[in-house]
């Protein structure tokens, strides 16, 4: 097989990653009980899983280099933002605003331009 062209299995891995990102909202909502703490915990777990998937060498070869190189910086920025949100909302009875959830979910797509 020619190494310059991704195999079907490689394409499946990239598709799986894209599906993982795209399904994040539904999966986080399904797994959380609707409180700010559980939603944030599920988001944090999703971010960690995304980071692990991006560490896969096959994924690195399939994603355009410029997007792949920016992904760790975007994840780091998202972790910093998430820490601030956790400080503000965890342990409080205030619900996490829908706008905040939307912003976090949009930023989770670290491969988007």
N, C-alpha and C. Protein backbone atom coordinates (compact mmCIF):
# COMPACT_ATOMS: atom_id res chain seq x y z
N UNK A 1 0.84 -1.18 0.00
CA UNK A 1 0.00 0.00 0.00
C UNK A 1 0.89 1.24 0.00
N UNK A 2 0.49 2.24 -0.75
CA UNK A 2 1.24 3.49 -0.86
C UNK A 2 1.10 4.29 0.42
N UNK A 3 2.23 4.68 1.03
CA UNK A 3 2.20 5.41 2.30
C UNK A 3 1.71 6.84 2.14
N UNK A 4 1.63 7.34 0.91
CA UNK A 4 1.17 8.71 0.69
C UNK A 4 -0.34 8.85 0.77
N UNK A 5 -1.04 7.74 0.73
CA UNK A 5 -2.49 7.77 0.76
C UNK A 5 -2.99 7.06 2.01
N UNK A 6 -3.92 7.69 2.72
CA UNK A 6 -4.44 7.03 3.93
C UNK A 6 -5.19 5.75 3.58
N UNK A 7 -5.07 4.76 4.43
CA UNK A 7 -5.82 3.53 4.24
C UNK A 7 -7.25 3.75 4.74
N UNK A 8 -8.10 2.76 4.44
CA UNK A 8 -9.49 2.85 4.91
C UNK A 8 -9.52 2.90 6.43
N UNK A 9 -8.67 2.13 7.10
CA UNK A 9 -8.64 2.15 8.56
C UNK A 9 -8.23 3.52 9.09
N UNK A 10 -7.25 4.16 8.41
CA UNK A 10 -6.84 5.49 8.83
C UNK A 10 -7.99 6.48 8.68
N UNK A 11 -8.70 6.39 7.57
CA UNK A 11 -9.84 7.29 7.36
C UNK A 11 -10.88 7.06 8.44
N UNK A 12 -11.06 5.80 8.84
CA UNK A 12 -12.02 5.51 9.91
C UNK A 12 -11.59 6.15 11.21
N UNK A 13 -10.29 6.15 11.50
CA UNK A 13 -9.81 6.78 12.73
C UNK A 13 -10.09 8.27 12.72
N UNK A 14 -9.85 8.91 11.59
CA UNK A 14 -10.11 10.34 11.49
C UNK A 14 -11.61 10.61 11.58
N UNK A 15 -12.41 9.78 10.93
CA UNK A 15 -13.86 9.92 11.00
C UNK A 15 -14.34 9.71 12.43
N UNK A 16 -13.76 8.74 13.12
CA UNK A 16 -14.12 8.50 14.53
C UNK A 16 -13.82 9.73 15.37
N UNK A 17 -12.67 10.36 15.13
CA UNK A 17 -12.31 11.57 15.87
C UNK A 17 -13.30 12.69 15.57
N UNK A 18 -13.61 12.88 14.31
CA UNK A 18 -14.58 13.93 13.93
C UNK A 18 -15.95 13.65 14.55
N UNK A 19 -16.37 12.38 14.54
CA UNK A 19 -17.66 12.00 15.15
C UNK A 19 -17.63 12.23 16.66
N UNK A 20 -16.49 11.92 17.28
CA UNK A 20 -16.34 12.13 18.72
C UNK A 20 -16.55 13.61 19.05
N UNK A 21 -15.93 14.49 18.29
CA UNK A 21 -16.08 15.92 18.52
C UNK A 21 -17.52 16.35 18.27
N UNK A 22 -18.09 15.90 17.16
CA UNK A 22 -19.44 16.31 16.78
C UNK A 22 -20.51 15.84 17.77
N UNK A 23 -20.28 14.68 18.40
CA UNK A 23 -21.28 14.14 19.32
C UNK A 23 -21.09 14.61 20.76
N UNK A 24 -20.14 15.49 20.99
CA UNK A 24 -19.82 15.90 22.36
C UNK A 24 -21.00 16.50 23.10
N UNK A 25 -21.74 17.38 22.46
CA UNK A 25 -22.87 18.02 23.16
C UNK A 25 -23.86 16.97 23.65
N UNK A 26 -24.26 16.07 22.77
CA UNK A 26 -25.25 15.06 23.15
C UNK A 26 -24.71 14.13 24.22
N UNK A 27 -23.46 13.72 24.08
CA UNK A 27 -22.87 12.80 25.05
C UNK A 27 -22.72 13.45 26.42
N UNK A 28 -22.28 14.69 26.45
CA UNK A 28 -22.12 15.39 27.73
C UNK A 28 -23.48 15.58 28.40
N UNK A 29 -24.46 16.00 27.62
CA UNK A 29 -25.81 16.21 28.18
C UNK A 29 -26.38 14.89 28.69
N UNK A 30 -26.17 13.82 27.95
CA UNK A 30 -26.71 12.51 28.33
C UNK A 30 -26.08 12.02 29.62
N UNK A 31 -24.77 12.23 29.76
CA UNK A 31 -24.06 11.70 30.92
C UNK A 31 -24.14 12.59 32.15
N UNK A 32 -24.54 13.82 31.96
CA UNK A 32 -24.62 14.72 33.13
C UNK A 32 -26.05 14.75 33.65
N UNK A 33 -26.17 15.07 34.91
CA UNK A 33 -27.49 15.12 35.55
C UNK A 33 -28.11 16.50 35.45
N UNK A 34 -27.49 17.39 34.70
CA UNK A 34 -28.06 18.71 34.52
C UNK A 34 -27.51 19.78 35.45
N UNK A 35 -26.60 19.41 36.33
CA UNK A 35 -26.01 20.41 37.21
C UNK A 35 -24.73 20.94 36.60
N UNK A 36 -24.32 22.10 37.02
CA UNK A 36 -23.08 22.69 36.50
C UNK A 36 -21.89 21.78 36.78
N UNK A 37 -21.85 21.20 37.96
CA UNK A 37 -20.71 20.38 38.34
C UNK A 37 -20.59 19.14 37.46
N UNK A 38 -21.69 18.43 37.26
CA UNK A 38 -21.58 17.21 36.47
C UNK A 38 -21.36 17.53 34.99
N UNK A 39 -21.95 18.61 34.49
CA UNK A 39 -21.73 18.99 33.10
C UNK A 39 -20.26 19.33 32.89
N UNK A 40 -19.70 20.10 33.80
CA UNK A 40 -18.28 20.47 33.69
C UNK A 40 -17.38 19.26 33.84
N UNK A 41 -17.73 18.34 34.71
CA UNK A 41 -16.93 17.13 34.88
C UNK A 41 -16.96 16.29 33.60
N UNK A 42 -18.12 16.18 33.00
CA UNK A 42 -18.24 15.44 31.74
C UNK A 42 -17.48 16.13 30.61
N UNK A 43 -17.54 17.45 30.58
CA UNK A 43 -16.80 18.21 29.57
C UNK A 43 -15.31 17.99 29.76
N UNK A 44 -14.86 18.06 30.99
CA UNK A 44 -13.45 17.87 31.30
C UNK A 44 -12.99 16.48 30.87
N UNK A 45 -13.80 15.46 31.13
CA UNK A 45 -13.48 14.10 30.72
C UNK A 45 -13.42 13.99 29.20
N UNK A 46 -14.33 14.67 28.54
CA UNK A 46 -14.37 14.66 27.07
C UNK A 46 -13.11 15.33 26.50
N UNK A 47 -12.70 16.42 27.12
CA UNK A 47 -11.50 17.12 26.69
C UNK A 47 -10.26 16.24 26.86
N UNK A 48 -10.19 15.53 27.96
CA UNK A 48 -9.08 14.62 28.21
C UNK A 48 -9.06 13.50 27.17
N UNK A 49 -10.22 12.95 26.85
CA UNK A 49 -10.30 11.89 25.84
C UNK A 49 -9.90 12.41 24.47
N UNK A 50 -10.30 13.63 24.15
CA UNK A 50 -9.91 14.23 22.87
C UNK A 50 -8.40 14.39 22.80
N UNK A 51 -7.82 14.85 23.88
CA UNK A 51 -6.38 15.03 23.95
C UNK A 51 -5.66 13.69 23.73
N UNK A 52 -6.19 12.63 24.31
CA UNK A 52 -5.59 11.30 24.14
C UNK A 52 -5.71 10.83 22.69
N UNK A 53 -6.84 11.09 22.07
CA UNK A 53 -7.01 10.69 20.68
C UNK A 53 -6.05 11.45 19.77
N UNK A 54 -5.82 12.71 20.06
CA UNK A 54 -4.92 13.50 19.24
C UNK A 54 -3.46 13.06 19.40
N UNK A 55 -3.15 12.36 20.47
CA UNK A 55 -1.79 11.87 20.69
C UNK A 55 -1.50 10.65 19.83
N UNK A 56 -2.51 10.09 19.20
CA UNK A 56 -2.36 8.93 18.33
C UNK A 56 -1.57 9.34 17.08
N UNK A 57 -0.48 8.65 16.81
CA UNK A 57 0.39 8.99 15.68
C UNK A 57 -0.33 8.88 14.34
N UNK A 58 -1.26 7.95 14.22
CA UNK A 58 -2.01 7.82 12.97
C UNK A 58 -2.86 9.06 12.73
N UNK A 59 -3.46 9.59 13.78
CA UNK A 59 -4.27 10.81 13.65
C UNK A 59 -3.37 11.96 13.24
N UNK A 60 -2.20 12.04 13.82
CA UNK A 60 -1.27 13.13 13.49
C UNK A 60 -0.98 13.14 11.99
N UNK A 61 -0.85 11.97 11.39
CA UNK A 61 -0.55 11.88 9.97
C UNK A 61 -1.75 12.23 9.09
N UNK A 62 -2.95 12.10 9.61
CA UNK A 62 -4.15 12.33 8.82
C UNK A 62 -4.66 13.76 8.87
N UNK A 63 -4.34 14.46 9.94
CA UNK A 63 -4.81 15.84 10.12
C UNK A 63 -3.80 16.79 9.46
N UNK A 64 -4.28 17.80 8.75
CA UNK A 64 -3.34 18.77 8.18
C UNK A 64 -2.40 19.32 9.27
N UNK A 65 -1.13 19.44 8.92
CA UNK A 65 -0.09 19.81 9.90
C UNK A 65 -0.40 21.10 10.64
N UNK A 66 -0.90 22.12 9.93
CA UNK A 66 -1.17 23.39 10.61
C UNK A 66 -2.26 23.24 11.67
N UNK A 67 -3.29 22.47 11.38
CA UNK A 67 -4.36 22.24 12.36
C UNK A 67 -3.86 21.40 13.53
N UNK A 68 -3.07 20.39 13.21
CA UNK A 68 -2.57 19.51 14.25
C UNK A 68 -1.64 20.24 15.21
N UNK A 69 -0.82 21.14 14.69
CA UNK A 69 0.11 21.88 15.52
C UNK A 69 -0.59 22.89 16.41
N UNK A 70 -1.72 23.42 15.97
CA UNK A 70 -2.47 24.39 16.77
C UNK A 70 -3.33 23.72 17.85
N UNK A 71 -3.68 22.46 17.65
CA UNK A 71 -4.58 21.76 18.57
C UNK A 71 -4.11 21.79 20.03
N UNK A 72 -2.84 21.48 20.34
CA UNK A 72 -2.42 21.52 21.75
C UNK A 72 -2.55 22.91 22.37
N UNK A 73 -2.29 23.94 21.60
CA UNK A 73 -2.43 25.31 22.12
C UNK A 73 -3.90 25.63 22.40
N UNK A 74 -4.78 25.18 21.51
CA UNK A 74 -6.21 25.40 21.71
C UNK A 74 -6.70 24.64 22.94
N UNK A 75 -6.19 23.43 23.13
CA UNK A 75 -6.57 22.64 24.31
C UNK A 75 -6.08 23.33 25.57
N UNK A 76 -4.87 23.83 25.56
CA UNK A 76 -4.33 24.53 26.73
C UNK A 76 -5.16 25.77 27.06
N UNK A 77 -5.52 26.54 26.05
CA UNK A 77 -6.37 27.72 26.26
C UNK A 77 -7.73 27.32 26.82
N UNK A 78 -8.27 26.21 26.31
CA UNK A 78 -9.56 25.73 26.79
C UNK A 78 -9.46 25.26 28.23
N UNK A 79 -8.37 24.60 28.60
CA UNK A 79 -8.17 24.17 29.99
C UNK A 79 -8.10 25.39 30.93
N UNK A 80 -7.43 26.44 30.49
CA UNK A 80 -7.33 27.66 31.29
C UNK A 80 -8.72 28.28 31.47
N UNK A 81 -9.47 28.36 30.39
CA UNK A 81 -10.83 28.91 30.47
C UNK A 81 -11.72 28.03 31.35
N UNK A 82 -11.58 26.72 31.21
CA UNK A 82 -12.37 25.79 32.01
C UNK A 82 -12.08 25.94 33.49
N UNK A 83 -10.81 26.16 33.84
CA UNK A 83 -10.44 26.35 35.25
C UNK A 83 -11.15 27.58 35.82
N UNK A 84 -11.21 28.65 35.05
CA UNK A 84 -11.91 29.85 35.51
C UNK A 84 -13.40 29.62 35.68
N UNK A 85 -13.99 28.87 34.77
CA UNK A 85 -15.42 28.57 34.86
C UNK A 85 -15.69 27.68 36.06
N UNK A 86 -14.84 26.69 36.29
CA UNK A 86 -15.00 25.82 37.46
C UNK A 86 -14.93 26.63 38.75
N UNK A 87 -13.98 27.55 38.81
CA UNK A 87 -13.83 28.39 40.00
C UNK A 87 -15.10 29.20 40.26
N UNK A 88 -15.69 29.65 39.19
CA UNK A 88 -16.88 30.50 39.30
C UNK A 88 -18.14 29.71 39.66
N UNK A 89 -18.29 28.48 39.11
CA UNK A 89 -19.55 27.77 39.24
C UNK A 89 -19.55 26.55 40.15
N UNK A 90 -18.42 25.89 40.34
CA UNK A 90 -18.43 24.69 41.16
C UNK A 90 -18.70 25.03 42.62
N UNK A 91 -19.52 24.20 43.24
CA UNK A 91 -19.85 24.39 44.64
C UNK A 91 -20.91 25.46 44.87
N UNK A 92 -21.37 26.06 43.81
CA UNK A 92 -22.42 27.07 43.91
C UNK A 92 -23.71 26.46 43.37
N UNK A 93 -24.81 27.03 43.74
CA UNK A 93 -26.09 26.53 43.24
C UNK A 93 -26.49 27.18 41.93
N UNK A 94 -25.62 28.00 41.39
CA UNK A 94 -25.92 28.68 40.13
C UNK A 94 -25.74 27.70 38.96
N UNK A 95 -26.71 27.62 38.09
CA UNK A 95 -26.56 26.75 36.92
C UNK A 95 -25.56 27.34 35.93
N UNK A 96 -24.93 26.48 35.18
CA UNK A 96 -24.00 26.91 34.15
C UNK A 96 -24.82 27.48 32.98
N UNK A 97 -24.58 28.72 32.60
CA UNK A 97 -25.36 29.32 31.53
C UNK A 97 -25.21 28.56 30.21
N UNK A 98 -26.28 28.50 29.45
CA UNK A 98 -26.29 27.84 28.16
C UNK A 98 -25.23 28.43 27.23
N UNK A 99 -25.05 29.75 27.29
CA UNK A 99 -24.05 30.41 26.44
C UNK A 99 -22.64 29.91 26.76
N UNK A 100 -22.36 29.68 28.02
CA UNK A 100 -21.05 29.18 28.44
C UNK A 100 -20.84 27.77 27.92
N UNK A 101 -21.87 26.95 28.02
CA UNK A 101 -21.79 25.59 27.49
C UNK A 101 -21.52 25.62 25.99
N UNK A 102 -22.24 26.46 25.28
CA UNK A 102 -22.08 26.56 23.83
C UNK A 102 -20.66 26.98 23.46
N UNK A 103 -20.13 27.98 24.16
CA UNK A 103 -18.77 28.45 23.89
C UNK A 103 -17.75 27.33 24.11
N UNK A 104 -17.90 26.60 25.20
CA UNK A 104 -16.98 25.51 25.48
C UNK A 104 -17.07 24.42 24.41
N UNK A 105 -18.29 24.08 24.02
CA UNK A 105 -18.47 23.04 23.00
C UNK A 105 -17.89 23.46 21.66
N UNK A 106 -18.06 24.72 21.30
CA UNK A 106 -17.49 25.22 20.04
C UNK A 106 -15.96 25.14 20.08
N UNK A 107 -15.39 25.47 21.21
CA UNK A 107 -13.93 25.47 21.35
C UNK A 107 -13.37 24.04 21.43
N UNK A 108 -14.23 23.10 21.74
CA UNK A 108 -13.78 21.70 21.82
C UNK A 108 -13.36 21.18 20.45
N UNK A 109 -13.89 21.76 19.40
CA UNK A 109 -13.48 21.36 18.05
C UNK A 109 -12.16 22.03 17.73
N UNK A 110 -11.09 21.48 18.27
CA UNK A 110 -9.76 22.08 18.18
C UNK A 110 -9.15 21.95 16.78
N UNK A 111 -9.79 21.20 15.90
CA UNK A 111 -9.29 21.07 14.54
C UNK A 111 -9.97 22.03 13.57
N UNK A 112 -10.96 22.73 14.07
CA UNK A 112 -11.68 23.70 13.24
C UNK A 112 -10.82 24.94 13.05
N UNK A 113 -10.95 25.56 11.87
CA UNK A 113 -10.20 26.80 11.60
C UNK A 113 -10.66 27.94 12.45
